Amino acid sequence: QLQASGGGLVQPGGSLRLSCAASGSIFRFNIMGWYRQAPGNQRELVARITLRGSENYADSVKGRFTISRDNAKNTVYLQMNSLKPEDTAVYYCNKFPAHPANYWGQGTLVTVSS
């Protein structure tokens, strides 16, 4: 199970914090990632974090987004600052790597617009 939340409408330059609760079978032994899919685009990896907290980011979000995880709660977070219109997408969490045929949940929509 993957349940992402925290999305919404925000103005450019604003911030949002996304949360994703995962089942233990997905979360416990895996690198976790945040992905996004904008209309007409393929799903892309935004950030990932290892079990021990080592982080990695796509160039497009580096310095603006921060991924974290709470292993006791099987939850991964994405703090998004200085949001841009091009960040508009449906955001998903999943293990990394994840196959398109894996279960993805509904995701959470982030819209950055004035």
Protein backbone atom coordinates (compact mmCIF):
# COMPACT_ATOMS: atom_id res chain seq x y z
CA GLN A 1 0.00 0.00 0.00
CA LEU A 2 1.19 3.50 -0.86
CA GLN A 3 -0.75 6.55 0.29
CA ALA A 4 0.63 9.92 -0.75
CA SER A 5 -0.83 13.14 0.66
CA GLY A 6 -0.08 16.82 1.11
CA GLY A 7 -0.49 18.12 -2.40
CA GLY A 8 -2.47 21.18 -3.36
CA LEU A 9 -2.43 24.51 -5.13
CA VAL A 10 0.45 26.81 -4.29
CA GLN A 11 1.83 30.00 -5.77
CA PRO A 12 5.27 30.09 -7.38
CA GLY A 13 7.90 30.41 -4.69
CA GLY A 14 5.73 28.66 -2.14
CA SER A 15 6.28 25.45 -0.21
CA LEU A 16 4.53 22.14 0.36
CA ARG A 17 5.35 19.06 2.38
CA LEU A 18 4.29 15.71 0.97
CA SER A 19 3.92 12.56 3.03
CA CYS A 20 3.64 8.96 1.93
CA ALA A 21 2.69 6.07 4.15
CA ALA A 22 3.84 2.73 2.78
CA SER A 23 3.26 -0.83 3.78
CA GLY A 24 6.12 -2.42 5.66
CA SER A 25 6.76 -4.87 2.85
CA ILE A 26 7.54 -1.96 0.52
CA PHE A 27 9.23 0.38 2.95
CA ARG A 28 11.26 -1.68 5.34
CA PHE A 29 14.05 -3.01 3.15
CA ASN A 30 14.09 -0.61 0.28
CA ILE A 31 15.46 2.62 -0.94
CA MET A 32 12.42 4.88 -1.20
CA GLY A 33 11.81 7.48 -3.84
CA TRP A 34 9.51 10.30 -4.79
CA TYR A 35 8.47 10.37 -8.42
CA ARG A 36 6.31 12.74 -10.42
CA GLN A 37 4.36 12.69 -13.63
CA ALA A 38 3.35 15.87 -15.39
CA PRO A 39 0.59 15.83 -18.04
CA GLY A 40 1.90 14.35 -21.27
CA ASN A 41 5.19 13.32 -19.67
CA GLN A 42 6.61 10.08 -18.40
CA ARG A 43 6.97 9.48 -14.70
CA GLU A 44 10.35 10.64 -13.45
CA LEU A 45 12.34 10.16 -10.27
CA VAL A 46 12.62 13.32 -8.20
CA ALA A 47 14.51 12.14 -5.13
CA ARG A 48 15.48 8.96 -3.36
CA ILE A 49 16.70 8.03 0.11
CA THR A 50 18.42 4.92 1.43
CA LEU A 51 17.56 3.09 4.63
CA ARG A 52 20.34 4.97 6.36
CA GLY A 53 19.27 8.35 5.04
CA SER A 54 21.60 8.96 2.12
CA GLU A 55 19.82 11.28 -0.31
CA ASN A 56 19.96 11.82 -4.04
CA TYR A 57 18.09 14.39 -6.17
CA ALA A 58 17.26 15.13 -9.74
CA ASP A 59 19.11 18.20 -10.99
CA SER A 60 15.82 20.01 -11.52
CA VAL A 61 14.98 19.98 -7.79
CA LYS A 62 18.40 20.00 -6.18
CA GLY A 63 18.65 22.68 -3.51
CA ARG A 64 14.87 23.14 -3.37
CA PHE A 65 13.50 19.74 -2.32
CA THR A 66 14.44 17.61 0.67
CA ILE A 67 13.53 13.95 1.09
CA SER A 68 13.41 12.27 4.48
CA ARG A 69 12.04 9.08 5.98
CA ASP A 70 10.76 7.85 9.32
CA ASN A 71 11.55 4.15 9.46
CA ALA A 72 9.45 3.67 12.60
CA LYS A 73 6.36 4.97 10.80
CA ASN A 74 7.05 3.51 7.33
CA THR A 75 6.66 7.05 6.01
CA VAL A 76 8.66 9.09 3.53
CA TYR A 77 8.43 12.87 3.18
CA LEU A 78 9.24 15.44 0.54
CA GLN A 79 9.71 19.05 1.59
CA MET A 80 9.35 21.23 -1.48
CA ASN A 81 10.47 24.84 -1.36
CA SER A 82 10.76 27.57 -3.99
CA LEU A 83 8.20 25.80 -6.10
CA LYS A 84 8.01 26.56 -9.81
CA PRO A 85 5.19 26.07 -12.33
CA GLU A 86 7.22 23.27 -13.91
CA ASP A 87 6.96 21.34 -10.64
CA THR A 88 3.26 20.86 -11.35
CA ALA A 89 2.60 17.11 -11.48
CA VAL A 90 1.11 14.16 -9.69
CA TYR A 91 3.64 13.03 -7.10
CA TYR A 92 4.04 9.39 -6.10
CA CYS A 93 6.25 7.53 -3.71
CA ASN A 94 7.54 4.04 -4.25
CA LYS A 95 10.57 1.89 -3.73
CA PHE A 96 13.61 2.57 -5.89
CA PRO A 97 13.93 1.29 -8.46
CA ALA A 98 10.28 0.72 -9.31
CA HIS A 99 8.81 -0.73 -12.47
CA PRO A 100 5.92 0.96 -14.27
CA ALA A 101 3.87 -2.19 -13.67
CA ASN A 102 4.36 -1.94 -9.89
CA TYR A 103 1.50 -0.69 -7.75
CA TRP A 104 1.79 3.10 -7.44
CA GLY A 105 -1.20 4.28 -5.48
CA GLN A 106 -3.17 7.39 -6.43
CA GLY A 107 -0.42 9.92 -5.87
CA THR A 108 -1.03 13.50 -4.80
CA LEU A 109 -1.49 16.43 -7.17
CA VAL A 110 0.74 19.47 -6.83
CA THR A 111 -0.25 22.53 -8.82
CA VAL A 112 2.04 25.55 -8.87
CA SER A 113 0.26 28.54 -10.32
CA SER A 114 -0.48 32.17 -9.63
